[in-house]
């Protein structure tokens, strides 16, 4: 018997274990060996198939889908870092065992970033950050990881001042991460760059608190892209003659409001909106009133309003548009 399909059938279904093992020994096709490794009923047959596999994709498939003892053997034969990362991330093994064995063999920084951001296991995500040494990789995790504790741990491990400035400038929403980055960021030139260019007024404000040199304050006052940073820098400049010169040459030193939006820097404020129903014509701010409804959705701001009914205990159906939700969308049931 040489046909690979017939050998696969024999490896899975032959009456005796010796016949099944002999069939595996004659298999040469990697996909056929993978099928036997996953679906054969006897562990010894599955493991024999794994021992004969070299294809990393096939071994990855086995490591994820085969039974526990078999997939452990598959992990031992994995050498590709991307393959190991896939096993470490896969949710089937988020409670221990195989995913951890794969993770312990990971060294590639990019793959560790992927694990730190996407593993379903808290401990694996945390340990992945511990294994990161590349500052750019840590910046990526500190900015983009969905898990707050992972972002916090990543920024704690940052030592490079430019890397800290990137996190500080970017993270306007996570106050704890921003505070850690601010505490560790001491380079005055990096702080000036943040004060001049950060999109968040809170980040700009925090950077301005740490800038001390008069020449650096002058640079912010002259060249900041946002009016509030210019204003704050000018408050801290002590030379009155220099202040007058800066005010003459720099039109960005104070906001020039056009209703709710500054003409100079684009900063917005929560008053003087030009409302068109539920949406401001000028800045795009929305409010929960005067919607222009088209069925369940507002034409202006895309807010939805469904009329939910529960034909059974696990399915909600909108009586207006027919949308279905398996979980209670209102939060009341």
Foldseek 3Di string as FASTA:
>chain_A
DQDLVVLLCQLQDPPDPVSNQVSLVNHDDQVSLLCSLARRPDNVSNQSSLVNHQDLVSLLCCLQRHDQVSNQSSLVNHDDQLSLLCSLQDPVQQPDHSNVSSLVPHQDLVSLLVCLQRRPHPVSVQVSLVSHDDLVSLLCQLQDRPDPVSVQSSLLNHQDLLSLLSSLLRPPPNVNSNVSSLVRRQDQVSLLVSLQDRPDPVSNVSSLVRHDDLVSLLCSLQRRLAQVSVCSSLVRHDDPVSSVVSVVVHPSNHFDDDQQAGPRRGDGDDGRFCDDQQAGPPNGHGDDGRFCDDFQAGPRNGHGDFCWDPPDDQWIAGPGPGDIDRHDPVPPD
